[in-house]
Amino acid sequence: MSALAAGTLQEYRCRVQPEWIDYNGHMSEAFYVLVFGYATDQVMEQLGLDDEYRRSSGCSLYTVEAHIRYLAETGVDAELSVVSRIVGAGAKKLHLAHEMRSGETLIATEELLALHVDQQSGRSTAFTPSVMDTITGFLPAQGEPAPEWTGRKVSS
């Protein structure tokens, strides 16, 4: 898949399935995680970390930390869209921010940190130069702030 415009990742879209609805009549928290996972998979494809890359390199992204904010409820058959941004990257890591909407309503956000891992050794390893070049093309412009909700800790 390719980006819609330079520096813009393609939006992930899906519908809320009946089996995703919990005993309270709205989408269960586990399925927010599932949808964010599919959005991350789509980002990986756009960065060149697809099936072929994983087979040939023996490397993949592993999520090592994730923070989800549940902001609003949604119900069966709702159309969901997830906009993803790369808010930071390093030689071996990727920092993503996902925003999930149902219609115009922001219903959840996820911030995650993923490491590029050699699956044979189980250790983090640097991205290939071509993947790093692709990631760099999606990084925010100098001085462009990350979403205000990123970088927070869980508070009580």
N, C-alpha and C. Protein backbone atom coordinates (compact mmCIF):
# COMPACT_ATOMS: atom_id res chain seq x y z
N MET A 1 0.84 -1.19 0.00
CA MET A 1 0.00 0.00 0.00
C MET A 1 0.88 1.23 0.00
N SER A 2 0.36 2.30 -0.52
CA SER A 2 1.14 3.53 -0.52
C SER A 2 0.39 4.60 0.25
N ALA A 3 1.13 5.63 0.61
CA ALA A 3 0.54 6.73 1.37
C ALA A 3 -0.39 7.53 0.47
N LEU A 4 -1.35 8.21 1.08
CA LEU A 4 -2.26 9.04 0.32
C LEU A 4 -1.58 10.30 -0.17
N ALA A 5 -0.67 10.83 0.61
CA ALA A 5 0.12 12.01 0.26
C ALA A 5 1.44 11.86 1.00
N ALA A 6 2.42 12.63 0.58
CA ALA A 6 3.73 12.54 1.25
C ALA A 6 3.54 12.76 2.74
N GLY A 7 4.04 11.83 3.53
CA GLY A 7 3.98 11.97 4.98
C GLY A 7 2.66 11.59 5.62
N THR A 8 1.69 11.09 4.84
CA THR A 8 0.38 10.74 5.38
C THR A 8 0.15 9.24 5.25
N LEU A 9 -0.09 8.59 6.38
CA LEU A 9 -0.39 7.16 6.36
C LEU A 9 -1.85 6.95 5.98
N GLN A 10 -2.12 5.85 5.31
CA GLN A 10 -3.48 5.53 4.89
C GLN A 10 -4.34 5.19 6.11
N GLU A 11 -5.55 5.69 6.09
CA GLU A 11 -6.52 5.46 7.17
C GLU A 11 -7.00 4.01 7.14
N TYR A 12 -7.13 3.40 8.32
CA TYR A 12 -7.69 2.05 8.43
C TYR A 12 -9.19 2.17 8.69
N ARG A 13 -9.99 1.32 8.02
CA ARG A 13 -11.45 1.36 8.17
C ARG A 13 -12.01 -0.04 8.39
N CYS A 14 -13.05 -0.10 9.22
CA CYS A 14 -13.76 -1.37 9.44
C CYS A 14 -15.13 -1.06 10.04
N ARG A 15 -15.96 -2.09 10.20
CA ARG A 15 -17.27 -1.97 10.84
C ARG A 15 -17.27 -2.78 12.12
N VAL A 16 -18.01 -2.29 13.11
CA VAL A 16 -18.15 -3.01 14.38
C VAL A 16 -19.02 -4.24 14.13
N GLN A 17 -18.48 -5.40 14.46
CA GLN A 17 -19.17 -6.67 14.25
C GLN A 17 -20.07 -7.00 15.45
N PRO A 18 -21.17 -7.74 15.24
CA PRO A 18 -22.07 -8.07 16.35
C PRO A 18 -21.35 -8.77 17.50
N GLU A 19 -20.39 -9.64 17.20
CA GLU A 19 -19.68 -10.37 18.26
C GLU A 19 -18.73 -9.47 19.06
N TRP A 20 -18.53 -8.24 18.63
CA TRP A 20 -17.69 -7.29 19.37
C TRP A 20 -18.47 -6.56 20.46
N ILE A 21 -19.78 -6.76 20.51
CA ILE A 21 -20.63 -6.03 21.46
C ILE A 21 -20.68 -6.78 22.78
N ASP A 22 -20.49 -6.05 23.87
CA ASP A 22 -20.46 -6.67 25.20
C ASP A 22 -21.82 -6.61 25.88
N TYR A 23 -21.87 -7.05 27.11
CA TYR A 23 -23.09 -7.12 27.92
C TYR A 23 -23.67 -5.75 28.25
N ASN A 24 -22.92 -4.67 27.99
CA ASN A 24 -23.43 -3.31 28.19
C ASN A 24 -24.00 -2.72 26.91
N GLY A 25 -23.95 -3.48 25.82
CA GLY A 25 -24.54 -3.03 24.57
C GLY A 25 -23.63 -2.19 23.69
N HIS A 26 -22.34 -2.14 24.02
CA HIS A 26 -21.42 -1.38 23.16
C HIS A 26 -20.15 -2.19 22.94
N MET A 27 -19.26 -1.67 22.09
CA MET A 27 -18.06 -2.41 21.73
C MET A 27 -17.20 -2.66 22.96
N SER A 28 -16.81 -3.92 23.14
CA SER A 28 -15.98 -4.33 24.27
C SER A 28 -14.56 -3.82 24.10
N GLU A 29 -13.90 -3.53 25.23
CA GLU A 29 -12.55 -2.96 25.18
C GLU A 29 -11.56 -3.82 24.41
N ALA A 30 -11.72 -5.13 24.43
CA ALA A 30 -10.80 -6.01 23.71
C ALA A 30 -10.81 -5.73 22.21
N PHE A 31 -11.94 -5.31 21.69
CA PHE A 31 -12.04 -5.10 20.25
C PHE A 31 -11.50 -3.74 19.83
N TYR A 32 -11.42 -2.79 20.74
CA TYR A 32 -10.68 -1.56 20.45
C TYR A 32 -9.22 -1.94 20.19
N VAL A 33 -8.68 -2.82 21.04
CA VAL A 33 -7.30 -3.27 20.89
C VAL A 33 -7.13 -3.99 19.55
N LEU A 34 -8.10 -4.84 19.19
CA LEU A 34 -8.05 -5.55 17.91
C LEU A 34 -7.99 -4.57 16.74
N VAL A 35 -8.87 -3.58 16.75
CA VAL A 35 -8.91 -2.61 15.65
C VAL A 35 -7.59 -1.83 15.60
N PHE A 36 -7.08 -1.41 16.74
CA PHE A 36 -5.79 -0.71 16.74
C PHE A 36 -4.68 -1.63 16.23
N GLY A 37 -4.75 -2.91 16.55
CA GLY A 37 -3.78 -3.86 16.04
C GLY A 37 -3.81 -3.96 14.52
N TYR A 38 -5.01 -4.00 13.96
CA TYR A 38 -5.14 -4.03 12.50
C TYR A 38 -4.61 -2.73 11.88
N ALA A 39 -4.83 -1.61 12.54
CA ALA A 39 -4.30 -0.34 12.05
C ALA A 39 -2.77 -0.36 12.07
N THR A 40 -2.19 -0.94 13.11
CA THR A 40 -0.73 -1.06 13.17
C THR A 40 -0.23 -1.97 12.05
N ASP A 41 -0.94 -3.07 11.80
CA ASP A 41 -0.55 -3.96 10.69
C ASP A 41 -0.53 -3.19 9.37
N GLN A 42 -1.53 -2.34 9.16
CA GLN A 42 -1.59 -1.56 7.93
C GLN A 42 -0.42 -0.59 7.85
N VAL A 43 -0.06 0.04 8.97
CA VAL A 43 1.12 0.91 9.00
C VAL A 43 2.36 0.11 8.62
N MET A 44 2.50 -1.07 9.19
CA MET A 44 3.66 -1.92 8.87
C MET A 44 3.76 -2.17 7.37
N GLU A 45 2.64 -2.48 6.74
CA GLU A 45 2.65 -2.72 5.30
C GLU A 45 3.11 -1.49 4.54
N GLN A 46 2.62 -0.32 4.96
CA GLN A 46 2.99 0.92 4.28
C GLN A 46 4.47 1.27 4.44
N LEU A 47 5.06 0.78 5.52
CA LEU A 47 6.48 1.05 5.78
C LEU A 47 7.40 0.01 5.15
N GLY A 48 6.82 -1.02 4.54
CA GLY A 48 7.64 -2.06 3.94
C GLY A 48 7.94 -3.21 4.88
N LEU A 49 7.23 -3.27 6.01
CA LEU A 49 7.41 -4.34 6.99
C LEU A 49 6.33 -5.41 6.80
N ASP A 50 6.07 -5.75 5.55
CA ASP A 50 4.99 -6.66 5.19
C ASP A 50 5.42 -8.12 5.31
N ASP A 51 4.55 -9.04 4.87
CA ASP A 51 4.83 -10.48 4.95
C ASP A 51 6.16 -10.84 4.30
N GLU A 52 6.40 -10.33 3.10
CA GLU A 52 7.63 -10.64 2.38
C GLU A 52 8.85 -10.17 3.18
N TYR A 53 8.77 -8.97 3.73
CA TYR A 53 9.89 -8.46 4.54
C TYR A 53 10.13 -9.37 5.74
N ARG A 54 9.06 -9.75 6.43
CA ARG A 54 9.21 -10.59 7.62
C ARG A 54 9.80 -11.95 7.26
N ARG A 55 9.39 -12.53 6.13
CA ARG A 55 9.94 -13.81 5.69
C ARG A 55 11.41 -13.68 5.32
N SER A 56 11.74 -12.67 4.54
CA SER A 56 13.11 -12.56 4.03
C SER A 56 14.11 -12.07 5.08
N SER A 57 13.66 -11.22 5.99
CA SER A 57 14.59 -10.64 6.98
C SER A 57 14.59 -11.39 8.31
N GLY A 58 13.48 -12.07 8.59
CA GLY A 58 13.34 -12.70 9.91
C GLY A 58 13.06 -11.70 11.01
N CYS A 59 12.70 -10.48 10.62
CA CYS A 59 12.44 -9.41 11.59
C CYS A 59 10.99 -8.95 11.52
N SER A 60 10.52 -8.41 12.64
CA SER A 60 9.16 -7.88 12.71
C SER A 60 9.11 -6.81 13.79
N LEU A 61 7.98 -6.13 13.88
CA LEU A 61 7.75 -5.16 14.96
C LEU A 61 7.08 -5.88 16.12
N TYR A 62 7.54 -5.61 17.32
CA TYR A 62 6.91 -6.11 18.54
C TYR A 62 6.48 -4.91 19.36
N THR A 63 5.21 -4.86 19.74
CA THR A 63 4.74 -3.80 20.63
C THR A 63 5.26 -4.10 22.03
N VAL A 64 5.92 -3.10 22.63
CA VAL A 64 6.47 -3.28 23.98
C VAL A 64 5.73 -2.42 25.01
N GLU A 65 4.96 -1.44 24.55
CA GLU A 65 4.15 -0.63 25.46
C GLU A 65 3.02 0.00 24.67
N ALA A 66 1.84 0.05 25.28
CA ALA A 66 0.69 0.68 24.64
C ALA A 66 -0.18 1.34 25.70
N HIS A 67 -0.71 2.49 25.34
CA HIS A 67 -1.63 3.23 26.23
C HIS A 67 -2.89 3.54 25.42
N ILE A 68 -4.02 3.08 25.92
CA ILE A 68 -5.31 3.32 25.25
C ILE A 68 -6.18 4.20 26.13
N ARG A 69 -6.82 5.16 25.49
CA ARG A 69 -7.83 5.97 26.17
C ARG A 69 -9.17 5.65 25.51
N TYR A 70 -10.14 5.22 26.33
CA TYR A 70 -11.49 4.94 25.87
C TYR A 70 -12.31 6.19 26.12
N LEU A 71 -12.75 6.86 25.06
CA LEU A 71 -13.36 8.18 25.19
C LEU A 71 -14.87 8.21 24.97
N ALA A 72 -15.37 7.27 24.18
CA ALA A 72 -16.81 7.23 23.90
C ALA A 72 -17.18 5.81 23.49
N GLU A 73 -18.46 5.52 23.62
CA GLU A 73 -18.97 4.20 23.26
C GLU A 73 -19.39 4.18 21.80
N THR A 74 -19.42 2.99 21.25
CA THR A 74 -19.95 2.82 19.90
C THR A 74 -20.66 1.47 19.84
N GLY A 75 -21.54 1.33 18.86
CA GLY A 75 -22.37 0.14 18.80
C GLY A 75 -22.18 -0.67 17.53
N VAL A 76 -22.98 -1.71 17.44
CA VAL A 76 -22.90 -2.64 16.32
C VAL A 76 -23.09 -1.92 15.00
N ASP A 77 -22.32 -2.35 14.01
CA ASP A 77 -22.38 -1.89 12.63
C ASP A 77 -21.86 -0.47 12.43
N ALA A 78 -21.33 0.16 13.47
CA ALA A 78 -20.75 1.50 13.31
C ALA A 78 -19.51 1.40 12.42
N GLU A 79 -19.36 2.37 11.56
CA GLU A 79 -18.17 2.46 10.71
C GLU A 79 -17.06 3.12 11.54
N LEU A 80 -15.91 2.45 11.63
CA LEU A 80 -14.77 2.97 12.37
C LEU A 80 -13.67 3.38 11.40
N SER A 81 -12.97 4.44 11.74
CA SER A 81 -11.78 4.83 10.99
C SER A 81 -10.67 5.12 11.99
N VAL A 82 -9.46 4.71 11.64
CA VAL A 82 -8.30 4.95 12.49
C VAL A 82 -7.27 5.71 11.67
N VAL A 83 -6.92 6.89 12.16
CA VAL A 83 -5.85 7.69 11.57
C VAL A 83 -4.61 7.43 12.40
N SER A 84 -3.52 7.09 11.72
CA SER A 84 -2.27 6.76 12.39
C SER A 84 -1.20 7.77 12.02
N ARG A 85 -0.36 8.06 13.00
CA ARG A 85 0.78 8.96 12.77
C ARG A 85 2.01 8.35 13.42
N ILE A 86 3.13 8.53 12.75
CA ILE A 86 4.41 8.20 13.38
C ILE A 86 4.84 9.47 14.10
N VAL A 87 4.98 9.39 15.41
CA VAL A 87 5.36 10.58 16.18
C VAL A 87 6.83 10.56 16.57
N GLY A 88 7.49 9.43 16.32
CA GLY A 88 8.91 9.34 16.60
C GLY A 88 9.46 8.01 16.13
N ALA A 89 10.75 7.97 15.93
CA ALA A 89 11.40 6.75 15.49
C ALA A 89 12.88 6.82 15.84
N GLY A 90 13.46 5.66 15.97
CA GLY A 90 14.89 5.53 16.17
C GLY A 90 15.38 4.39 15.32
N ALA A 91 16.63 4.05 15.43
CA ALA A 91 17.22 2.99 14.62
C ALA A 91 16.49 1.66 14.79
N LYS A 92 15.95 1.41 16.00
CA LYS A 92 15.31 0.14 16.31
C LYS A 92 13.88 0.28 16.80
N LYS A 93 13.34 1.50 16.87
CA LYS A 93 12.03 1.67 17.49
C LYS A 93 11.12 2.57 16.67
N LEU A 94 9.82 2.40 16.91
CA LEU A 94 8.79 3.18 16.24
C LEU A 94 7.75 3.60 17.28
N HIS A 95 7.40 4.87 17.28
CA HIS A 95 6.43 5.44 18.23
C HIS A 95 5.23 5.88 17.40
N LEU A 96 4.08 5.22 17.61
CA LEU A 96 2.87 5.49 16.84
C LEU A 96 1.78 6.10 17.70
N ALA A 97 0.92 6.88 17.06
CA ALA A 97 -0.28 7.43 17.69
C ALA A 97 -1.46 7.13 16.76
N HIS A 98 -2.47 6.44 17.30
CA HIS A 98 -3.68 6.11 16.55
C HIS A 98 -4.87 6.87 17.15
N GLU A 99 -5.74 7.39 16.29
CA GLU A 99 -7.00 8.01 16.73
C GLU A 99 -8.15 7.27 16.03
N MET A 100 -9.06 6.71 16.85
CA MET A 100 -10.20 5.96 16.32
C MET A 100 -11.45 6.83 16.39
N ARG A 101 -12.16 6.88 15.26
CA ARG A 101 -13.40 7.64 15.21
C ARG A 101 -14.54 6.76 14.74
N SER A 102 -15.72 7.10 15.24
CA SER A 102 -16.97 6.55 14.73
C SER A 102 -17.73 7.76 14.23
N GLY A 103 -17.82 7.88 12.92
CA GLY A 103 -18.34 9.12 12.34
C GLY A 103 -17.37 10.23 12.65
N GLU A 104 -17.87 11.32 13.18
CA GLU A 104 -17.03 12.46 13.54
C GLU A 104 -16.53 12.39 14.99
N THR A 105 -17.00 11.40 15.74
CA THR A 105 -16.68 11.32 17.17
C THR A 105 -15.40 10.56 17.43
N LEU A 106 -14.47 11.19 18.13
CA LEU A 106 -13.24 10.53 18.57
C LEU A 106 -13.63 9.61 19.72
N ILE A 107 -13.47 8.28 19.51
CA ILE A 107 -13.92 7.35 20.55
C ILE A 107 -12.77 6.71 21.32
N ALA A 108 -11.55 6.73 20.75
CA ALA A 108 -10.42 6.12 21.46
C ALA A 108 -9.11 6.57 20.83
N THR A 109 -8.06 6.55 21.63
CA THR A 109 -6.72 6.79 21.12
C THR A 109 -5.80 5.69 21.64
N GLU A 110 -4.76 5.42 20.88
CA GLU A 110 -3.74 4.48 21.34
C GLU A 110 -2.38 5.06 20.98
N GLU A 111 -1.51 5.06 21.96
CA GLU A 111 -0.11 5.41 21.75
C GLU A 111 0.68 4.13 21.98
N LEU A 112 1.59 3.82 21.07
CA LEU A 112 2.37 2.59 21.28
C LEU A 112 3.82 2.78 20.88
N LEU A 113 4.64 1.99 21.55
CA LEU A 113 6.06 1.92 21.24
C LEU A 113 6.33 0.50 20.78
N ALA A 114 6.94 0.37 19.60
CA ALA A 114 7.26 -0.94 19.05
C ALA A 114 8.75 -1.00 18.75
N LEU A 115 9.31 -2.19 18.93
CA LEU A 115 10.72 -2.44 18.62
C LEU A 115 10.82 -3.34 17.40
N HIS A 116 11.84 -3.10 16.59
CA HIS A 116 12.15 -3.94 15.45
C HIS A 116 13.00 -5.09 15.97
N VAL A 117 12.48 -6.31 15.88
CA VAL A 117 13.09 -7.46 16.53
C VAL A 117 13.49 -8.52 15.51
N ASP A 118 14.72 -9.05 15.68
CA ASP A 118 15.17 -10.22 14.94
C ASP A 118 14.53 -11.41 15.63
N GLN A 119 13.62 -12.08 14.94
CA GLN A 119 12.84 -13.13 15.57
C GLN A 119 13.67 -14.37 15.93
N GLN A 120 14.80 -14.57 15.27
CA GLN A 120 15.64 -15.71 15.61
C GLN A 120 16.39 -15.47 16.92
N SER A 121 16.95 -14.27 17.09
CA SER A 121 17.71 -13.98 18.31
C SER A 121 16.82 -13.48 19.44
N GLY A 122 15.65 -12.93 19.06
CA GLY A 122 14.76 -12.35 20.07
C GLY A 122 15.23 -10.99 20.57
N ARG A 123 16.18 -10.40 19.87
CA ARG A 123 16.74 -9.10 20.28
C ARG A 123 16.37 -8.02 19.28
N SER A 124 16.32 -6.79 19.76
CA SER A 124 16.03 -5.68 18.86
C SER A 124 17.21 -5.48 17.91
N THR A 125 16.90 -5.00 16.73
CA THR A 125 17.90 -4.78 15.70
C THR A 125 17.49 -3.57 14.86
N ALA A 126 18.45 -2.96 14.23
CA ALA A 126 18.18 -1.76 13.44
C ALA A 126 17.31 -2.09 12.23
N PHE A 127 16.46 -1.13 11.87
CA PHE A 127 15.71 -1.23 10.62
C PHE A 127 16.69 -1.25 9.46
N THR A 128 16.29 -1.87 8.36
CA THR A 128 17.11 -1.80 7.16
C THR A 128 17.12 -0.35 6.67
N PRO A 129 18.15 0.05 5.92
CA PRO A 129 18.18 1.43 5.41
C PRO A 129 16.94 1.81 4.61
N SER A 130 16.42 0.89 3.78
CA SER A 130 15.25 1.24 2.97
C SER A 130 14.02 1.46 3.84
N VAL A 131 13.82 0.63 4.87
CA VAL A 131 12.68 0.81 5.77
C VAL A 131 12.86 2.11 6.56
N MET A 132 14.07 2.38 7.02
CA MET A 132 14.31 3.61 7.78
C MET A 132 14.05 4.84 6.91
N ASP A 133 14.42 4.77 5.63
CA ASP A 133 14.13 5.88 4.72
C ASP A 133 12.62 6.10 4.58
N THR A 134 11.87 5.00 4.48
CA THR A 134 10.42 5.11 4.39
C THR A 134 9.84 5.71 5.66
N ILE A 135 10.29 5.22 6.82
CA ILE A 135 9.82 5.76 8.10
C ILE A 135 10.10 7.26 8.17
N THR A 136 11.29 7.66 7.77
CA THR A 136 11.69 9.07 7.82
C THR A 136 10.73 9.94 7.01
N GLY A 137 10.22 9.41 5.89
CA GLY A 137 9.28 10.15 5.07
C GLY A 137 7.94 10.39 5.74
N PHE A 138 7.64 9.64 6.80
CA PHE A 138 6.38 9.79 7.52
C PHE A 138 6.54 10.52 8.85
N LEU A 139 7.77 10.86 9.22
CA LEU A 139 7.99 11.57 10.49
C LEU A 139 7.42 12.98 10.40
N PRO A 140 6.98 13.53 11.53
CA PRO A 140 6.45 14.89 11.50
C PRO A 140 7.55 15.89 11.13
N ALA A 141 7.13 16.99 10.53
CA ALA A 141 8.07 18.05 10.19
C ALA A 141 8.68 18.63 11.46
N GLN A 142 9.87 19.16 11.32
CA GLN A 142 10.56 19.79 12.46
C GLN A 142 9.62 20.79 13.14
N GLY A 143 9.46 20.65 14.43
CA GLY A 143 8.62 21.56 15.20
C GLY A 143 7.14 21.20 15.22
N GLU A 144 6.71 20.24 14.41
CA GLU A 144 5.30 19.81 14.42
C GLU A 144 5.06 18.99 15.67
N PRO A 145 4.12 19.40 16.51
CA PRO A 145 3.92 18.69 17.77
C PRO A 145 3.21 17.35 17.59
N ALA A 146 3.53 16.45 18.48
CA ALA A 146 2.78 15.18 18.56
C ALA A 146 1.40 15.51 19.13
N PRO A 147 0.43 14.62 18.96
CA PRO A 147 -0.88 14.87 19.58
C PRO A 147 -0.72 15.15 21.07
N GLU A 148 -1.53 16.06 21.60
CA GLU A 148 -1.40 16.49 23.00
C GLU A 148 -1.57 15.35 23.99
N TRP A 149 -2.22 14.30 23.60
CA TRP A 149 -2.50 13.19 24.52
C TRP A 149 -1.36 12.18 24.58
N THR A 150 -0.32 12.33 23.77
CA THR A 150 0.80 11.38 23.81
C THR A 150 1.78 11.76 24.91
N GLY A 151 2.55 10.76 25.34
CA GLY A 151 3.59 11.01 26.33
C GLY A 151 3.11 11.10 27.76
N ARG A 152 1.86 10.77 28.00
CA ARG A 152 1.31 10.84 29.35
C ARG A 152 1.48 9.53 30.08
N LYS A 153 1.36 9.58 31.39
CA LYS A 153 1.33 8.37 32.18
C LYS A 153 -0.09 8.14 32.67
N VAL A 154 -0.37 6.93 33.11
CA VAL A 154 -1.68 6.63 33.67
C VAL A 154 -1.78 7.35 35.00
N SER A 155 -2.86 8.07 35.19
CA SER A 155 -3.03 8.81 36.45
C SER A 155 -4.26 8.31 37.19
N SER A 156 -4.26 8.52 38.48
CA SER A 156 -5.41 8.06 39.28
C SER A 156 -6.26 9.22 39.72
